[in-house]
Amino acid sequence: MTDSGKVASDTPSGGGPLVVLEKVNKYFGDLHVLQDIDLTVHRGEVVVVIGPSGGGKSTLCRSINRLEPIDDGKILVDGEALPAEGKQLARHRADVGMVFQSFNLFAHKTILQNVTLGPIKVRKVAKSTADKEALELLERVGIANQAEKYPAQLSGGQQQRAAIARALAMRPKVMLFDEPTSALDPEMVKEVLDVMTSLAGEGMTMIVVTHEMGFARRAANKVIFMADGQIVEENTPDEFFTNPRTDRAKDFLSKILTH
């Protein structure tokens, strides 16, 4: 966490593209859920993906982690194409952290064990080192005092912060968030968004699918508006929210910003 506590500025913290999608297409049967998607995410950049339900946002996120194989096009992470399977795919998923709507924690393991499992099994980190780093991460997300508890003993917000710590424990190059607050009670949303905002301020490359417009305004370098499987608009938060260029985006914002 930066001493200043600042969130990401309007320009990313430098470096070339980390995630590149070129003409990506994905079908579910006859449904064309991703249509010729072109997207470039630079190192240190926070990209927030918004849009109506069913527009392809979550599929986009899952495709970058190859949880959904694509039908056409190319996805590069740090200059390398996504591997198809096996150990290379496991390494790729270690480099691309993902936080889901549901927390997906192992119910029979403590929070500390949930966070250390990946580094020990995949990264081959010594248990003592993994424990130490996991406790530091749990401190960072504000739940170090919950380390020896089991997921069912934590609130939804605490479980989601544990899931973020678990993803960070793999030392990922980029973090994907697929509507990480949508399953939370309203009072728990802020504690998760605060952690994500601090990560943005530290220069973590992030792709965030969310309905939280305040977070998009505050932390994003770039807003992607998706609808009907296409990127309809791409702009800075200020420009997108104050001066949307397309009728589709104007209609979407008129419905969500008036309540």
C-alpha atoms as a PDB file:
ATOM      1  CA  MET A   1       0.000   0.000   0.000  1.00  0.00           C
ATOM      2  CA  THR A   2       1.324   3.414  -0.883  1.00  0.00           C
ATOM      3  CA  ASP A   3       2.085   5.779   1.970  1.00  0.00           C
ATOM      4  CA  SER A   4      -0.043   8.429   0.331  1.00  0.00           C
ATOM      5  CA  GLY A   5      -3.009   6.086  -0.007  1.00  0.00           C
ATOM      6  CA  LYS A   6      -3.674   7.464  -3.486  1.00  0.00           C
ATOM      7  CA  VAL A   7      -5.660   5.515  -6.009  1.00  0.00           C
ATOM      8  CA  ALA A   8      -4.530   5.028  -9.574  1.00  0.00           C
ATOM      9  CA  SER A   9      -3.960   8.170 -11.578  1.00  0.00           C
ATOM     10  CA  ASP A  10      -5.294   8.796 -15.072  1.00  0.00           C
ATOM     11  CA  THR A  11      -2.178   7.242 -16.550  1.00  0.00           C
ATOM     12  CA  PRO A  12      -0.978   3.726 -15.753  1.00  0.00           C
ATOM     13  CA  SER A  13       2.320   3.277 -13.999  1.00  0.00           C
ATOM     14  CA  GLY A  14       4.285   2.403 -17.129  1.00  0.00           C
ATOM     15  CA  GLY A  15       5.338  -0.556 -19.204  1.00  0.00           C
ATOM     16  CA  GLY A  16       3.925  -2.131 -22.335  1.00  0.00           C
ATOM     17  CA  PRO A  17       0.754  -4.124 -22.803  1.00  0.00           C
ATOM     18  CA  LEU A  18       0.238  -6.940 -20.292  1.00  0.00           C
ATOM     19  CA  VAL A  19      -3.042  -8.329 -21.633  1.00  0.00           C
ATOM     20  CA  VAL A  20      -3.977  -8.151 -25.313  1.00  0.00           C
ATOM     21  CA  LEU A  21      -7.136  -9.516 -26.960  1.00  0.00           C
ATOM     22  CA  GLU A  22      -7.281  -9.553 -30.749  1.00  0.00           C
ATOM     23  CA  LYS A  23     -10.511 -10.320 -32.620  1.00  0.00           C
ATOM     24  CA  VAL A  24     -11.712 -12.683 -29.878  1.00  0.00           C
ATOM     25  CA  ASN A  25     -14.930 -14.579 -30.565  1.00  0.00           C
ATOM     26  CA  LYS A  26     -16.842 -16.927 -28.297  1.00  0.00           C
ATOM     27  CA  TYR A  27     -20.073 -18.832 -28.902  1.00  0.00           C
ATOM     28  CA  PHE A  28     -22.395 -20.699 -26.572  1.00  0.00           C
ATOM     29  CA  GLY A  29     -24.267 -22.743 -29.162  1.00  0.00           C
ATOM     30  CA  ASP A  30     -25.904 -20.205 -31.475  1.00  0.00           C
ATOM     31  CA  LEU A  31     -25.326 -17.359 -29.028  1.00  0.00           C
ATOM     32  CA  HIS A  32     -22.403 -15.132 -30.056  1.00  0.00           C
ATOM     33  CA  VAL A  33     -21.312 -13.916 -26.608  1.00  0.00           C
ATOM     34  CA  LEU A  34     -17.992 -12.266 -27.578  1.00  0.00           C
ATOM     35  CA  GLN A  35     -17.868 -10.593 -30.978  1.00  0.00           C
ATOM     36  CA  ASP A  36     -14.496  -9.540 -32.407  1.00  0.00           C
ATOM     37  CA  ILE A  37     -13.227  -8.226 -29.080  1.00  0.00           C
ATOM     38  CA  ASP A  38     -10.096  -6.056 -29.263  1.00  0.00           C
ATOM     39  CA  LEU A  39      -8.709  -4.898 -25.923  1.00  0.00           C
ATOM     40  CA  THR A  40      -5.294  -3.820 -24.649  1.00  0.00           C
ATOM     41  CA  VAL A  41      -4.518  -3.557 -20.935  1.00  0.00           C
ATOM     42  CA  HIS A  42      -1.202  -1.961 -19.978  1.00  0.00           C
ATOM     43  CA  ARG A  43       0.883  -2.740 -16.908  1.00  0.00           C
ATOM     44  CA  GLY A  44      -0.412  -0.921 -13.875  1.00  0.00           C
ATOM     45  CA  GLU A  45      -3.693  -0.097 -15.583  1.00  0.00           C
ATOM     46  CA  VAL A  46      -7.103  -0.573 -13.946  1.00  0.00           C
ATOM     47  CA  VAL A  47      -9.768  -1.395 -16.517  1.00  0.00           C
ATOM     48  CA  VAL A  48     -13.372  -1.512 -15.343  1.00  0.00           C
ATOM     49  CA  VAL A  49     -15.875  -3.390 -17.519  1.00  0.00           C
ATOM     50  CA  ILE A  50     -19.505  -2.349 -17.156  1.00  0.00           C
ATOM     51  CA  GLY A  51     -22.715  -2.940 -19.061  1.00  0.00           C
ATOM     52  CA  PRO A  52     -26.078  -4.711 -18.935  1.00  0.00           C
ATOM     53  CA  SER A  53     -26.415  -8.309 -17.777  1.00  0.00           C
ATOM     54  CA  GLY A  54     -25.809 -10.818 -20.537  1.00  0.00           C
ATOM     55  CA  GLY A  55     -23.524  -8.462 -22.426  1.00  0.00           C
ATOM     56  CA  GLY A  56     -20.465 -10.739 -22.256  1.00  0.00           C
ATOM     57  CA  LYS A  57     -18.577  -9.111 -19.381  1.00  0.00           C
ATOM     58  CA  SER A  58     -18.049 -12.215 -17.251  1.00  0.00           C
ATOM     59  CA  THR A  59     -17.253 -14.353 -20.304  1.00  0.00           C
ATOM     60  CA  LEU A  60     -14.572 -11.827 -21.270  1.00  0.00           C
ATOM     61  CA  CYS A  61     -13.042 -12.072 -17.809  1.00  0.00           C
ATOM     62  CA  ARG A  62     -13.183 -15.870 -17.724  1.00  0.00           C
ATOM     63  CA  SER A  63     -11.647 -16.130 -21.197  1.00  0.00           C
ATOM     64  CA  ILE A  64      -8.510 -14.280 -20.075  1.00  0.00           C
ATOM     65  CA  ASN A  65      -8.011 -16.963 -17.411  1.00  0.00           C
ATOM     66  CA  ARG A  66      -8.990 -19.661 -19.948  1.00  0.00           C
ATOM     67  CA  LEU A  67     -11.865 -20.815 -17.787  1.00  0.00           C
ATOM     68  CA  GLU A  68     -13.757 -20.339 -21.056  1.00  0.00           C
ATOM     69  CA  PRO A  69     -11.852 -21.371 -24.195  1.00  0.00           C
ATOM     70  CA  ILE A  70     -12.364 -18.985 -27.094  1.00  0.00           C
ATOM     71  CA  ASP A  71     -13.502 -20.035 -30.572  1.00  0.00           C
ATOM     72  CA  ASP A  72     -11.504 -17.545 -32.592  1.00  0.00           C
ATOM     73  CA  GLY A  73      -8.921 -14.797 -32.156  1.00  0.00           C
ATOM     74  CA  LYS A  74      -5.968 -14.425 -29.840  1.00  0.00           C
ATOM     75  CA  ILE A  75      -5.347 -13.627 -26.163  1.00  0.00           C
ATOM     76  CA  LEU A  76      -1.832 -12.752 -25.001  1.00  0.00           C
ATOM     77  CA  VAL A  77      -0.745 -12.346 -21.385  1.00  0.00           C
ATOM     78  CA  ASP A  78       2.717 -10.807 -20.986  1.00  0.00           C
ATOM     79  CA  GLY A  79       3.388 -11.549 -24.638  1.00  0.00           C
ATOM     80  CA  GLU A  80       2.474 -15.233 -24.505  1.00  0.00           C
ATOM     81  CA  ALA A  81      -0.594 -16.941 -25.942  1.00  0.00           C
ATOM     82  CA  LEU A  82      -2.823 -18.773 -23.488  1.00  0.00           C
ATOM     83  CA  PRO A  83      -1.753 -22.415 -23.087  1.00  0.00           C
ATOM     84  CA  ALA A  84      -4.358 -25.067 -23.806  1.00  0.00           C
ATOM     85  CA  GLU A  85      -3.881 -27.397 -20.847  1.00  0.00           C
ATOM     86  CA  GLY A  86      -1.510 -29.095 -18.429  1.00  0.00           C
ATOM     87  CA  LYS A  87       1.249 -27.559 -16.336  1.00  0.00           C
ATOM     88  CA  GLN A  88       1.567 -24.520 -18.584  1.00  0.00           C
ATOM     89  CA  LEU A  89      -2.097 -23.696 -18.006  1.00  0.00           C
ATOM     90  CA  ALA A  90      -1.624 -24.072 -14.245  1.00  0.00           C
ATOM     91  CA  ARG A  91       1.286 -21.637 -14.421  1.00  0.00           C
ATOM     92  CA  HIS A  92      -0.800 -19.216 -16.466  1.00  0.00           C
ATOM     93  CA  ARG A  93      -3.582 -19.293 -13.886  1.00  0.00           C
ATOM     94  CA  ALA A  94      -1.013 -18.634 -11.175  1.00  0.00           C
ATOM     95  CA  ASP A  95       0.021 -15.488 -13.076  1.00  0.00           C
ATOM     96  CA  VAL A  96      -3.583 -14.404 -13.631  1.00  0.00           C
ATOM     97  CA  GLY A  97      -5.364 -14.088 -10.292  1.00  0.00           C
ATOM     98  CA  MET A  98      -9.147 -14.311 -10.297  1.00  0.00           C
ATOM     99  CA  VAL A  99     -11.767 -13.327  -7.744  1.00  0.00           C
ATOM    100  CA  PHE A 100     -15.311 -14.549  -8.395  1.00  0.00           C
ATOM    101  CA  GLN A 101     -18.798 -13.516  -7.307  1.00  0.00           C
ATOM    102  CA  SER A 102     -18.881 -16.486  -4.955  1.00  0.00           C
ATOM    103  CA  PHE A 103     -15.860 -16.823  -2.730  1.00  0.00           C
ATOM    104  CA  ASN A 104     -14.952 -20.438  -3.635  1.00  0.00           C
ATOM    105  CA  LEU A 105     -12.998 -20.945  -0.415  1.00  0.00           C
ATOM    106  CA  PHE A 106     -12.362 -24.485   0.827  1.00  0.00           C
ATOM    107  CA  ALA A 107     -14.844 -24.911   3.679  1.00  0.00           C
ATOM    108  CA  HIS A 108     -12.751 -27.540   5.496  1.00  0.00           C
ATOM    109  CA  LYS A 109      -9.591 -25.420   5.585  1.00  0.00           C
ATOM    110  CA  THR A 110      -8.811 -22.381   7.697  1.00  0.00           C
ATOM    111  CA  ILE A 111      -8.463 -18.980   6.072  1.00  0.00           C
ATOM    112  CA  LEU A 112      -4.690 -19.227   6.432  1.00  0.00           C
ATOM    113  CA  GLN A 113      -4.675 -22.676   4.799  1.00  0.00           C
ATOM    114  CA  ASN A 114      -6.850 -21.387   1.954  1.00  0.00           C
ATOM    115  CA  VAL A 115      -4.335 -18.637   1.240  1.00  0.00           C
ATOM    116  CA  THR A 116      -1.210 -20.815   1.479  1.00  0.00           C
ATOM    117  CA  LEU A 117      -2.477 -23.786  -0.527  1.00  0.00           C
ATOM    118  CA  GLY A 118      -1.678 -22.356  -3.971  1.00  0.00           C
ATOM    119  CA  PRO A 119       1.815 -21.044  -3.196  1.00  0.00           C
ATOM    120  CA  ILE A 120       2.783 -24.355  -1.573  1.00  0.00           C
ATOM    121  CA  LYS A 121       1.249 -26.656  -4.210  1.00  0.00           C
ATOM    122  CA  VAL A 122       1.803 -24.652  -7.405  1.00  0.00           C
ATOM    123  CA  ARG A 123       4.656 -22.236  -6.681  1.00  0.00           C
ATOM    124  CA  LYS A 124       6.475 -24.774  -4.440  1.00  0.00           C
ATOM    125  CA  VAL A 125       6.980 -22.161  -1.725  1.00  0.00           C
ATOM    126  CA  ALA A 126       8.153 -23.491   1.663  1.00  0.00           C
ATOM    127  CA  LYS A 127       5.312 -23.689   4.199  1.00  0.00           C
ATOM    128  CA  SER A 128       7.016 -21.328   6.648  1.00  0.00           C
ATOM    129  CA  THR A 129       7.466 -18.718   3.914  1.00  0.00           C
ATOM    130  CA  ALA A 130       3.932 -19.224   2.624  1.00  0.00           C
ATOM    131  CA  ASP A 131       2.507 -18.816   6.142  1.00  0.00           C
ATOM    132  CA  LYS A 132       4.462 -15.615   6.719  1.00  0.00           C
ATOM    133  CA  GLU A 133       3.445 -14.082   3.389  1.00  0.00           C
ATOM    134  CA  ALA A 134      -0.171 -15.188   3.831  1.00  0.00           C
ATOM    135  CA  LEU A 135      -0.412 -13.478   7.226  1.00  0.00           C
ATOM    136  CA  GLU A 136       1.021 -10.304   5.685  1.00  0.00           C
ATOM    137  CA  LEU A 137      -1.617 -10.446   2.948  1.00  0.00           C
ATOM    138  CA  LEU A 138      -4.408 -11.073   5.445  1.00  0.00           C
ATOM    139  CA  GLU A 139      -3.158  -8.052   7.373  1.00  0.00           C
ATOM    140  CA  ARG A 140      -3.185  -6.077   4.143  1.00  0.00           C
ATOM    141  CA  VAL A 141      -6.855  -6.910   3.495  1.00  0.00           C
ATOM    142  CA  GLY A 142      -7.766  -6.327   7.125  1.00  0.00           C
ATOM    143  CA  ILE A 143      -8.559  -9.831   8.382  1.00  0.00           C
ATOM    144  CA  ALA A 144      -5.314 -11.104   9.931  1.00  0.00           C
ATOM    145  CA  ASN A 145      -7.267 -11.787  13.133  1.00  0.00           C
ATOM    146  CA  GLN A 146      -9.437 -14.295  11.218  1.00  0.00           C
ATOM    147  CA  ALA A 147      -6.530 -16.456   9.992  1.00  0.00           C
ATOM    148  CA  GLU A 148      -7.354 -19.546  12.085  1.00  0.00           C
ATOM    149  CA  LYS A 149     -11.096 -19.434  11.477  1.00  0.00           C
ATOM    150  CA  TYR A 150     -13.002 -21.384   8.847  1.00  0.00           C
ATOM    151  CA  PRO A 151     -14.881 -19.665   5.992  1.00  0.00           C
ATOM    152  CA  ALA A 152     -18.313 -20.319   7.522  1.00  0.00           C
ATOM    153  CA  GLN A 153     -17.253 -18.310  10.596  1.00  0.00           C
ATOM    154  CA  LEU A 154     -16.631 -15.174   8.506  1.00  0.00           C
ATOM    155  CA  SER A 155     -18.994 -12.618   7.010  1.00  0.00           C
ATOM    156  CA  GLY A 156     -19.396 -12.470   3.254  1.00  0.00           C
ATOM    157  CA  GLY A 157     -17.189  -9.391   3.055  1.00  0.00           C
ATOM    158  CA  GLN A 158     -14.473 -11.082   5.095  1.00  0.00           C
ATOM    159  CA  GLN A 159     -14.662 -14.191   2.911  1.00  0.00           C
ATOM    160  CA  GLN A 160     -14.298 -12.109  -0.237  1.00  0.00           C
ATOM    161  CA  ARG A 161     -11.274 -10.307   1.230  1.00  0.00           C
ATOM    162  CA  ALA A 162      -9.809 -13.744   2.023  1.00  0.00           C
ATOM    163  CA  ALA A 163     -10.399 -14.719  -1.607  1.00  0.00           C
ATOM    164  CA  ILE A 164      -8.517 -11.592  -2.721  1.00  0.00           C
ATOM    165  CA  ALA A 165      -5.626 -12.478  -0.380  1.00  0.00           C
ATOM    166  CA  ARG A 166      -5.606 -16.017  -1.790  1.00  0.00           C
ATOM    167  CA  ALA A 167      -5.292 -14.693  -5.348  1.00  0.00           C
ATOM    168  CA  LEU A 168      -2.573 -12.216  -4.335  1.00  0.00           C
ATOM    169  CA  ALA A 169      -0.598 -14.988  -2.632  1.00  0.00           C
ATOM    170  CA  MET A 170       0.240 -16.386  -6.068  1.00  0.00           C
ATOM    171  CA  ARG A 171       1.998 -13.095  -6.923  1.00  0.00           C
ATOM    172  CA  PRO A 172      -0.075 -12.631 -10.071  1.00  0.00           C
ATOM    173  CA  LYS A 173       0.837 -10.315 -12.923  1.00  0.00           C
ATOM    174  CA  VAL A 174      -2.788  -9.278 -13.343  1.00  0.00           C
ATOM    175  CA  MET A 175      -5.917  -9.590 -11.202  1.00  0.00           C
ATOM    176  CA  LEU A 176      -9.355 -10.341 -12.660  1.00  0.00           C
ATOM    177  CA  PHE A 177     -12.450  -9.507 -10.619  1.00  0.00           C
ATOM    178  CA  ASP A 178     -15.787 -10.889 -11.827  1.00  0.00           C
ATOM    179  CA  GLU A 179     -18.480  -8.878 -10.010  1.00  0.00           C
ATOM    180  CA  PRO A 180     -16.735  -9.403  -6.664  1.00  0.00           C
ATOM    181  CA  THR A 181     -19.340  -7.509  -4.621  1.00  0.00           C
ATOM    182  CA  SER A 182     -22.560  -8.725  -6.241  1.00  0.00           C
ATOM    183  CA  ALA A 183     -23.149 -11.480  -3.659  1.00  0.00           C
ATOM    184  CA  LEU A 184     -22.524  -9.218  -0.668  1.00  0.00           C
ATOM    185  CA  ASP A 185     -24.879  -7.355   1.628  1.00  0.00           C
ATOM    186  CA  PRO A 186     -24.658  -3.589   0.959  1.00  0.00           C
ATOM    187  CA  GLU A 187     -22.760  -2.820   4.160  1.00  0.00           C
ATOM    188  CA  MET A 188     -20.051  -5.323   3.189  1.00  0.00           C
ATOM    189  CA  VAL A 189     -19.482  -3.903  -0.289  1.00  0.00           C
ATOM    190  CA  LYS A 190     -17.371  -0.959   0.875  1.00  0.00           C
ATOM    191  CA  GLU A 191     -14.823  -3.073   2.747  1.00  0.00           C
ATOM    192  CA  VAL A 192     -14.110  -5.114  -0.401  1.00  0.00           C
ATOM    193  CA  LEU A 193     -14.012  -2.063  -2.677  1.00  0.00           C
ATOM    194  CA  ASP A 194     -11.601  -0.366  -0.264  1.00  0.00           C
ATOM    195  CA  VAL A 195      -9.174  -3.284  -0.641  1.00  0.00           C
ATOM    196  CA  MET A 196      -9.518  -3.166  -4.428  1.00  0.00           C
ATOM    197  CA  THR A 197      -8.981   0.595  -4.456  1.00  0.00           C
ATOM    198  CA  SER A 198      -5.797   0.203  -2.421  1.00  0.00           C
ATOM    199  CA  LEU A 199      -4.548  -2.431  -4.884  1.00  0.00           C
ATOM    200  CA  ALA A 200      -5.216  -0.003  -7.725  1.00  0.00           C
ATOM    201  CA  GLY A 201      -3.219   2.642  -5.890  1.00  0.00           C
ATOM    202  CA  GLU A 202      -0.306   0.232  -5.544  1.00  0.00           C
ATOM    203  CA  GLY A 203      -0.126  -0.260  -9.307  1.00  0.00           C
ATOM    204  CA  MET A 204      -1.693  -3.716  -9.586  1.00  0.00           C
ATOM    205  CA  THR A 205      -2.916  -4.416 -13.122  1.00  0.00           C
ATOM    206  CA  MET A 206      -6.629  -5.119 -12.752  1.00  0.00           C
ATOM    207  CA  ILE A 207      -9.588  -5.977 -14.954  1.00  0.00           C
ATOM    208  CA  VAL A 208     -12.779  -5.508 -12.964  1.00  0.00           C
ATOM    209  CA  VAL A 209     -16.292  -6.483 -14.025  1.00  0.00           C
ATOM    210  CA  THR A 210     -18.610  -4.590 -11.702  1.00  0.00           C
ATOM    211  CA  HIS A 211     -21.853  -2.666 -11.259  1.00  0.00           C
ATOM    212  CA  GLU A 212     -20.175  -0.357  -8.742  1.00  0.00           C
ATOM    213  CA  MET A 213     -20.035   2.908 -10.661  1.00  0.00           C
ATOM    214  CA  GLY A 214     -18.387   4.785  -7.794  1.00  0.00           C
ATOM    215  CA  PHE A 215     -15.444   2.392  -7.933  1.00  0.00           C
ATOM    216  CA  ALA A 216     -15.255   2.800 -11.714  1.00  0.00           C
ATOM    217  CA  ARG A 217     -15.104   6.588 -11.370  1.00  0.00           C
ATOM    218  CA  ARG A 218     -12.594   6.493  -8.527  1.00  0.00           C
ATOM    219  CA  ALA A 219     -10.123   3.768  -9.412  1.00  0.00           C
ATOM    220  CA  ALA A 220     -10.268   3.068 -13.151  1.00  0.00           C
ATOM    221  CA  ASN A 221      -7.850   4.318 -15.777  1.00  0.00           C
ATOM    222  CA  LYS A 222     -10.220   3.106 -18.469  1.00  0.00           C
ATOM    223  CA  VAL A 223     -13.894   2.141 -18.634  1.00  0.00           C
ATOM    224  CA  ILE A 224     -15.074  -0.494 -21.102  1.00  0.00           C
ATOM    225  CA  PHE A 225     -18.800  -0.532 -21.848  1.00  0.00           C
ATOM    226  CA  MET A 226     -20.007  -3.894 -23.178  1.00  0.00           C
ATOM    227  CA  ALA A 227     -23.397  -4.813 -24.588  1.00  0.00           C
ATOM    228  CA  ASP A 228     -24.600  -7.647 -26.788  1.00  0.00           C
ATOM    229  CA  GLY A 229     -21.165  -9.271 -26.854  1.00  0.00           C
ATOM    230  CA  GLN A 230     -19.371  -6.187 -28.149  1.00  0.00           C
ATOM    231  CA  ILE A 231     -17.222  -3.400 -26.753  1.00  0.00           C
ATOM    232  CA  VAL A 232     -19.525  -0.480 -27.518  1.00  0.00           C
ATOM    233  CA  GLU A 233     -17.428   2.230 -25.931  1.00  0.00           C
ATOM    234  CA  GLU A 234     -13.981   2.649 -24.347  1.00  0.00           C
ATOM    235  CA  ASN A 235     -12.940   5.827 -22.585  1.00  0.00           C
ATOM    236  CA  THR A 236     -11.592   7.444 -19.425  1.00  0.00           C
ATOM    237  CA  PRO A 237     -14.030   7.429 -16.474  1.00  0.00           C
ATOM    238  CA  ASP A 238     -14.532  11.195 -16.638  1.00  0.00           C
ATOM    239  CA  GLU A 239     -15.343  11.152 -20.339  1.00  0.00           C
ATOM    240  CA  PHE A 240     -17.518   8.054 -20.178  1.00  0.00           C
ATOM    241  CA  PHE A 241     -19.682   9.167 -17.272  1.00  0.00           C
ATOM    242  CA  THR A 242     -20.010  12.830 -18.277  1.00  0.00           C
ATOM    243  CA  ASN A 243     -20.000  12.556 -22.055  1.00  0.00           C
ATOM    244  CA  PRO A 244     -20.871   9.050 -23.343  1.00  0.00           C
ATOM    245  CA  ARG A 245     -20.521   8.880 -27.110  1.00  0.00           C
ATOM    246  CA  THR A 246     -23.057   6.179 -28.001  1.00  0.00           C
ATOM    247  CA  ASP A 247     -26.812   6.046 -27.566  1.00  0.00           C
ATOM    248  CA  ARG A 248     -26.468   2.588 -26.002  1.00  0.00           C
ATOM    249  CA  ALA A 249     -24.163   3.913 -23.275  1.00  0.00           C
ATOM    250  CA  LYS A 250     -26.341   6.989 -22.716  1.00  0.00           C
ATOM    251  CA  ASP A 251     -29.393   4.758 -22.254  1.00  0.00           C
ATOM    252  CA  PHE A 252     -27.540   2.478 -19.827  1.00  0.00           C
ATOM    253  CA  LEU A 253     -26.238   5.370 -17.722  1.00  0.00           C
ATOM    254  CA  SER A 254     -29.623   7.094 -17.656  1.00  0.00           C
ATOM    255  CA  LYS A 255     -31.114   3.994 -16.043  1.00  0.00           C
ATOM    256  CA  ILE A 256     -28.424   3.321 -13.424  1.00  0.00           C
ATOM    257  CA  LEU A 257     -27.375   6.825 -12.407  1.00  0.00           C
ATOM    258  CA  THR A 258     -30.858   8.161 -11.661  1.00  0.00           C
ATOM    259  CA  HIS A 259     -31.559   5.791  -8.747  1.00  0.00           C
END
